[in-house]
Amino acid sequence: LETANRSNAEARKTIAKLHSQIQEMQVTIDDEQRQRDEIREQYNMSERKCQMLTSEGDEVRAALDTAERARKAAESQLVETNERLGELSTQNSALSGHKRKLDGYLSQIQSELEE
């Protein structure tokens, strides 16, 4: 009976020790699951942020392309305007020369009429 009691007491100690180890392992598992859930949430947030930044990058690239096309169109219009300005300046000079010539003829005719 004494041996059975000792065996029983030892078995109870072993059971208590194992129960304590199980509780410690459960705490460890719970901590690891909590950490895993936090890391998963951080990962999901990072994914959403990455998608948002990618979308913003696409929008910026599209805006840049639009601005570049507008710049090229403005440059082309500037070149055309400068060419037209050159043409009009040439015409203006020609007309001014022609006007001076006609003014000269007019003065000559008026002086001939006065004589």
N, C-alpha and C. Protein backbone atom coordinates (compact mmCIF):
# COMPACT_ATOMS: atom_id res chain seq x y z
N LEU A 1 0.83 -1.19 0.00
CA LEU A 1 0.00 0.00 0.00
C LEU A 1 0.88 1.26 0.00
N GLU A 2 1.93 1.19 0.79
CA GLU A 2 2.85 2.33 0.87
C GLU A 2 3.48 2.59 -0.50
N THR A 3 3.84 1.55 -1.22
CA THR A 3 4.42 1.69 -2.55
C THR A 3 3.39 2.28 -3.51
N ALA A 4 2.19 1.88 -3.39
CA ALA A 4 1.11 2.39 -4.25
C ALA A 4 0.89 3.86 -3.96
N ASN A 5 0.94 4.22 -2.67
CA ASN A 5 0.76 5.63 -2.30
C ASN A 5 1.92 6.47 -2.85
N ARG A 6 3.14 5.95 -2.75
CA ARG A 6 4.29 6.68 -3.29
C ARG A 6 4.16 6.83 -4.81
N SER A 7 3.77 5.76 -5.45
CA SER A 7 3.59 5.78 -6.90
C SER A 7 2.49 6.78 -7.27
N ASN A 8 1.44 6.75 -6.47
CA ASN A 8 0.32 7.67 -6.70
C ASN A 8 0.78 9.11 -6.51
N ALA A 9 1.54 9.40 -5.46
CA ALA A 9 2.04 10.74 -5.18
C ALA A 9 2.99 11.17 -6.29
N GLU A 10 3.84 10.26 -6.73
CA GLU A 10 4.76 10.57 -7.81
C GLU A 10 4.00 10.82 -9.11
N ALA A 11 2.99 10.04 -9.36
CA ALA A 11 2.17 10.23 -10.56
C ALA A 11 1.47 11.58 -10.49
N ARG A 12 0.98 11.97 -9.31
CA ARG A 12 0.33 13.28 -9.14
C ARG A 12 1.33 14.41 -9.40
N LYS A 13 2.57 14.23 -8.88
CA LYS A 13 3.60 15.24 -9.13
C LYS A 13 3.88 15.34 -10.63
N THR A 14 4.00 14.18 -11.28
CA THR A 14 4.26 14.16 -12.72
C THR A 14 3.11 14.81 -13.47
N ILE A 15 1.88 14.48 -13.06
CA ILE A 15 0.69 15.08 -13.70
C ILE A 15 0.69 16.59 -13.49
N ALA A 16 1.01 17.04 -12.27
CA ALA A 16 1.05 18.48 -11.98
C ALA A 16 2.13 19.17 -12.82
N LYS A 17 3.29 18.49 -12.90
CA LYS A 17 4.38 19.05 -13.69
C LYS A 17 3.99 19.12 -15.16
N LEU A 18 3.39 18.05 -15.68
CA LEU A 18 2.95 18.04 -17.07
C LEU A 18 1.86 19.08 -17.32
N HIS A 19 0.95 19.22 -16.36
CA HIS A 19 -0.12 20.21 -16.47
C HIS A 19 0.50 21.62 -16.52
N SER A 20 1.49 21.87 -15.69
CA SER A 20 2.18 23.16 -15.68
C SER A 20 2.87 23.40 -17.02
N GLN A 21 3.52 22.37 -17.55
CA GLN A 21 4.18 22.49 -18.85
C GLN A 21 3.16 22.77 -19.96
N ILE A 22 2.01 22.08 -19.87
CA ILE A 22 0.96 22.29 -20.87
C ILE A 22 0.46 23.74 -20.81
N GLN A 23 0.29 24.28 -19.59
CA GLN A 23 -0.17 25.66 -19.45
C GLN A 23 0.87 26.63 -20.01
N GLU A 24 2.15 26.36 -19.73
CA GLU A 24 3.21 27.22 -20.27
C GLU A 24 3.23 27.16 -21.79
N MET A 25 3.07 25.94 -22.33
CA MET A 25 3.05 25.79 -23.78
C MET A 25 1.83 26.51 -24.38
N GLN A 26 0.70 26.44 -23.70
CA GLN A 26 -0.51 27.11 -24.18
C GLN A 26 -0.31 28.63 -24.20
N VAL A 27 0.35 29.15 -23.15
CA VAL A 27 0.65 30.58 -23.11
C VAL A 27 1.58 30.95 -24.26
N THR A 28 2.59 30.10 -24.49
CA THR A 28 3.52 30.33 -25.60
C THR A 28 2.78 30.29 -26.93
N ILE A 29 1.92 29.32 -27.11
CA ILE A 29 1.14 29.20 -28.36
C ILE A 29 0.24 30.42 -28.54
N ASP A 30 -0.42 30.84 -27.45
CA ASP A 30 -1.29 32.02 -27.53
C ASP A 30 -0.50 33.26 -27.92
N ASP A 31 0.69 33.43 -27.31
CA ASP A 31 1.55 34.57 -27.66
C ASP A 31 1.97 34.52 -29.13
N GLU A 32 2.36 33.34 -29.59
CA GLU A 32 2.80 33.20 -30.98
C GLU A 32 1.64 33.44 -31.95
N GLN A 33 0.44 32.98 -31.58
CA GLN A 33 -0.72 33.23 -32.43
C GLN A 33 -1.05 34.72 -32.48
N ARG A 34 -0.94 35.40 -31.34
CA ARG A 34 -1.20 36.84 -31.29
C ARG A 34 -0.17 37.58 -32.15
N GLN A 35 1.11 37.18 -32.03
CA GLN A 35 2.15 37.79 -32.84
C GLN A 35 1.91 37.53 -34.33
N ARG A 36 1.52 36.30 -34.66
CA ARG A 36 1.23 35.96 -36.04
C ARG A 36 0.07 36.80 -36.58
N ASP A 37 -0.97 36.98 -35.77
CA ASP A 37 -2.10 37.81 -36.19
C ASP A 37 -1.69 39.27 -36.38
N GLU A 38 -0.84 39.78 -35.49
CA GLU A 38 -0.36 41.16 -35.63
C GLU A 38 0.48 41.32 -36.89
N ILE A 39 1.35 40.35 -37.13
CA ILE A 39 2.20 40.39 -38.33
C ILE A 39 1.33 40.29 -39.58
N ARG A 40 0.32 39.43 -39.55
CA ARG A 40 -0.58 39.29 -40.69
C ARG A 40 -1.30 40.62 -40.96
N GLU A 41 -1.76 41.28 -39.89
CA GLU A 41 -2.44 42.57 -40.04
C GLU A 41 -1.48 43.63 -40.60
N GLN A 42 -0.24 43.63 -40.11
CA GLN A 42 0.76 44.56 -40.65
C GLN A 42 1.02 44.27 -42.12
N TYR A 43 1.09 43.02 -42.47
CA TYR A 43 1.29 42.63 -43.87
C TYR A 43 0.12 43.12 -44.73
N ASN A 44 -1.11 42.90 -44.25
CA ASN A 44 -2.29 43.34 -45.00
C ASN A 44 -2.30 44.87 -45.16
N MET A 45 -1.92 45.59 -44.10
CA MET A 45 -1.86 47.05 -44.18
C MET A 45 -0.79 47.47 -45.20
N SER A 46 0.34 46.78 -45.18
CA SER A 46 1.42 47.08 -46.13
C SER A 46 0.96 46.81 -47.56
N GLU A 47 0.23 45.74 -47.76
CA GLU A 47 -0.30 45.42 -49.09
C GLU A 47 -1.26 46.51 -49.57
N ARG A 48 -2.16 46.95 -48.69
CA ARG A 48 -3.09 48.01 -49.07
C ARG A 48 -2.34 49.30 -49.40
N LYS A 49 -1.34 49.62 -48.57
CA LYS A 49 -0.55 50.83 -48.82
C LYS A 49 0.20 50.72 -50.14
N CYS A 50 0.74 49.55 -50.41
CA CYS A 50 1.46 49.32 -51.66
C CYS A 50 0.52 49.50 -52.86
N GLN A 51 -0.67 48.94 -52.76
CA GLN A 51 -1.65 49.08 -53.85
C GLN A 51 -2.04 50.55 -54.03
N MET A 52 -2.22 51.25 -52.92
CA MET A 52 -2.58 52.67 -52.98
C MET A 52 -1.46 53.47 -53.64
N LEU A 53 -0.21 53.20 -53.24
CA LEU A 53 0.92 53.92 -53.82
C LEU A 53 1.10 53.58 -55.29
N THR A 54 0.86 52.34 -55.65
CA THR A 54 0.94 51.94 -57.05
C THR A 54 -0.11 52.68 -57.86
N SER A 55 -1.31 52.77 -57.32
CA SER A 55 -2.39 53.49 -57.99
C SER A 55 -2.05 54.97 -58.13
N GLU A 56 -1.53 55.57 -57.06
CA GLU A 56 -1.13 56.97 -57.12
C GLU A 56 0.00 57.17 -58.14
N GLY A 57 0.93 56.23 -58.17
CA GLY A 57 2.02 56.31 -59.15
C GLY A 57 1.48 56.27 -60.58
N ASP A 58 0.50 55.40 -60.82
CA ASP A 58 -0.11 55.34 -62.14
C ASP A 58 -0.79 56.66 -62.50
N GLU A 59 -1.48 57.24 -61.51
CA GLU A 59 -2.16 58.52 -61.74
C GLU A 59 -1.13 59.62 -62.04
N VAL A 60 -0.03 59.62 -61.30
CA VAL A 60 1.01 60.63 -61.52
C VAL A 60 1.63 60.45 -62.90
N ARG A 61 1.88 59.19 -63.30
CA ARG A 61 2.43 58.94 -64.63
C ARG A 61 1.45 59.42 -65.71
N ALA A 62 0.16 59.17 -65.52
CA ALA A 62 -0.83 59.62 -66.50
C ALA A 62 -0.86 61.15 -66.56
N ALA A 63 -0.80 61.80 -65.40
CA ALA A 63 -0.79 63.26 -65.37
C ALA A 63 0.48 63.80 -66.04
N LEU A 64 1.59 63.13 -65.80
CA LEU A 64 2.85 63.54 -66.43
C LEU A 64 2.77 63.40 -67.94
N ASP A 65 2.20 62.29 -68.41
CA ASP A 65 2.04 62.09 -69.85
C ASP A 65 1.16 63.19 -70.45
N THR A 66 0.08 63.52 -69.77
CA THR A 66 -0.82 64.57 -70.23
C THR A 66 -0.09 65.91 -70.27
N ALA A 67 0.66 66.20 -69.22
CA ALA A 67 1.41 67.46 -69.16
C ALA A 67 2.47 67.50 -70.26
N GLU A 68 3.10 66.38 -70.52
CA GLU A 68 4.13 66.31 -71.57
C GLU A 68 3.50 66.56 -72.94
N ARG A 69 2.34 65.97 -73.19
CA ARG A 69 1.65 66.21 -74.46
C ARG A 69 1.26 67.68 -74.58
N ALA A 70 0.78 68.26 -73.48
CA ALA A 70 0.40 69.68 -73.50
C ALA A 70 1.63 70.56 -73.74
N ARG A 71 2.76 70.21 -73.13
CA ARG A 71 3.99 70.97 -73.33
C ARG A 71 4.42 70.91 -74.79
N LYS A 72 4.39 69.71 -75.37
CA LYS A 72 4.78 69.56 -76.77
C LYS A 72 3.85 70.35 -77.69
N ALA A 73 2.55 70.31 -77.38
CA ALA A 73 1.59 71.08 -78.19
C ALA A 73 1.87 72.57 -78.06
N ALA A 74 2.18 73.03 -76.85
CA ALA A 74 2.48 74.45 -76.64
C ALA A 74 3.76 74.84 -77.37
N GLU A 75 4.77 73.96 -77.33
CA GLU A 75 6.01 74.23 -78.05
C GLU A 75 5.75 74.33 -79.55
N SER A 76 4.95 73.42 -80.05
CA SER A 76 4.62 73.42 -81.48
C SER A 76 3.88 74.70 -81.84
N GLN A 77 2.94 75.08 -81.00
CA GLN A 77 2.19 76.32 -81.24
C GLN A 77 3.12 77.53 -81.18
N LEU A 78 4.08 77.51 -80.26
CA LEU A 78 5.03 78.61 -80.16
C LEU A 78 5.87 78.72 -81.44
N VAL A 79 6.32 77.57 -81.95
CA VAL A 79 7.12 77.57 -83.18
C VAL A 79 6.27 78.14 -84.32
N GLU A 80 5.02 77.69 -84.43
CA GLU A 80 4.14 78.18 -85.49
C GLU A 80 3.89 79.68 -85.34
N THR A 81 3.69 80.12 -84.10
CA THR A 81 3.46 81.54 -83.85
C THR A 81 4.69 82.36 -84.21
N ASN A 82 5.87 81.87 -83.85
CA ASN A 82 7.11 82.58 -84.19
C ASN A 82 7.30 82.64 -85.70
N GLU A 83 6.98 81.55 -86.39
CA GLU A 83 7.08 81.54 -87.85
C GLU A 83 6.12 82.56 -88.45
N ARG A 84 4.91 82.57 -87.93
CA ARG A 84 3.89 83.52 -88.43
C ARG A 84 4.32 84.96 -88.12
N LEU A 85 4.90 85.16 -86.93
CA LEU A 85 5.39 86.49 -86.56
C LEU A 85 6.49 86.93 -87.54
N GLY A 86 7.37 86.01 -87.88
CA GLY A 86 8.43 86.31 -88.85
C GLY A 86 7.84 86.70 -90.20
N GLU A 87 6.85 85.92 -90.64
CA GLU A 87 6.19 86.22 -91.92
C GLU A 87 5.54 87.59 -91.88
N LEU A 88 4.81 87.87 -90.80
CA LEU A 88 4.13 89.16 -90.68
C LEU A 88 5.13 90.31 -90.57
N SER A 89 6.24 90.09 -89.89
CA SER A 89 7.27 91.13 -89.79
C SER A 89 7.86 91.42 -91.17
N THR A 90 8.09 90.37 -91.95
CA THR A 90 8.61 90.54 -93.31
C THR A 90 7.60 91.31 -94.16
N GLN A 91 6.32 90.92 -94.05
CA GLN A 91 5.28 91.62 -94.81
C GLN A 91 5.19 93.08 -94.37
N ASN A 92 5.28 93.30 -93.05
CA ASN A 92 5.20 94.66 -92.52
C ASN A 92 6.36 95.51 -93.05
N SER A 93 7.55 94.92 -93.06
CA SER A 93 8.71 95.65 -93.59
C SER A 93 8.52 95.97 -95.06
N ALA A 94 8.04 94.98 -95.80
CA ALA A 94 7.81 95.17 -97.23
C ALA A 94 6.77 96.26 -97.45
N LEU A 95 5.70 96.21 -96.67
CA LEU A 95 4.65 97.21 -96.81
C LEU A 95 5.16 98.60 -96.40
N SER A 96 5.97 98.66 -95.37
CA SER A 96 6.53 99.95 -94.94
C SER A 96 7.41 100.52 -96.03
N GLY A 97 8.21 99.68 -96.66
CA GLY A 97 9.07 100.11 -97.76
C GLY A 97 8.23 100.60 -98.94
N HIS A 98 7.20 99.83 -99.23
CA HIS A 98 6.32 100.20 -100.32
C HIS A 98 5.61 101.53 -100.02
N LYS A 99 5.19 101.71 -98.74
CA LYS A 99 4.53 102.95 -98.33
C LYS A 99 5.48 104.13 -98.48
N ARG A 100 6.73 103.96 -98.07
CA ARG A 100 7.72 105.03 -98.20
C ARG A 100 7.92 105.39 -99.69
N LYS A 101 7.96 104.36 -100.50
CA LYS A 101 8.12 104.58 -101.93
C LYS A 101 6.93 105.35 -102.49
N LEU A 102 5.71 104.92 -102.07
CA LEU A 102 4.51 105.61 -102.53
C LEU A 102 4.44 107.04 -101.99
N ASP A 103 4.86 107.22 -100.71
CA ASP A 103 4.91 108.57 -100.14
C ASP A 103 5.86 109.45 -100.95
N GLY A 104 6.97 108.86 -101.36
CA GLY A 104 7.94 109.59 -102.18
C GLY A 104 7.32 109.99 -103.52
N TYR A 105 6.63 109.04 -104.16
CA TYR A 105 5.96 109.35 -105.43
C TYR A 105 4.90 110.41 -105.24
N LEU A 106 4.16 110.30 -104.15
CA LEU A 106 3.11 111.28 -103.85
C LEU A 106 3.71 112.66 -103.66
N SER A 107 4.80 112.75 -102.94
CA SER A 107 5.47 114.04 -102.73
C SER A 107 5.96 114.59 -104.05
N GLN A 108 6.50 113.70 -104.88
CA GLN A 108 7.01 114.13 -106.19
C GLN A 108 5.86 114.65 -107.05
N ILE A 109 4.75 113.94 -107.05
CA ILE A 109 3.60 114.35 -107.86
C ILE A 109 3.04 115.67 -107.34
N GLN A 110 2.97 115.83 -106.01
CA GLN A 110 2.45 117.08 -105.44
C GLN A 110 3.38 118.25 -105.80
N SER A 111 4.66 118.01 -105.73
CA SER A 111 5.55 119.12 -106.09
C SER A 111 5.46 119.44 -107.58
N GLU A 112 5.26 118.42 -108.41
CA GLU A 112 5.09 118.69 -109.84
C GLU A 112 3.80 119.45 -110.09
N LEU A 113 2.76 119.13 -109.33
CA LEU A 113 1.48 119.84 -109.49
C LEU A 113 1.58 121.28 -109.01
N GLU A 114 2.37 121.51 -108.01
CA GLU A 114 2.53 122.86 -107.48
C GLU A 114 3.33 123.72 -108.44
N GLU A 115 4.13 123.15 -109.26
CA GLU A 115 4.96 123.93 -110.18
C GLU A 115 4.21 124.35 -111.35
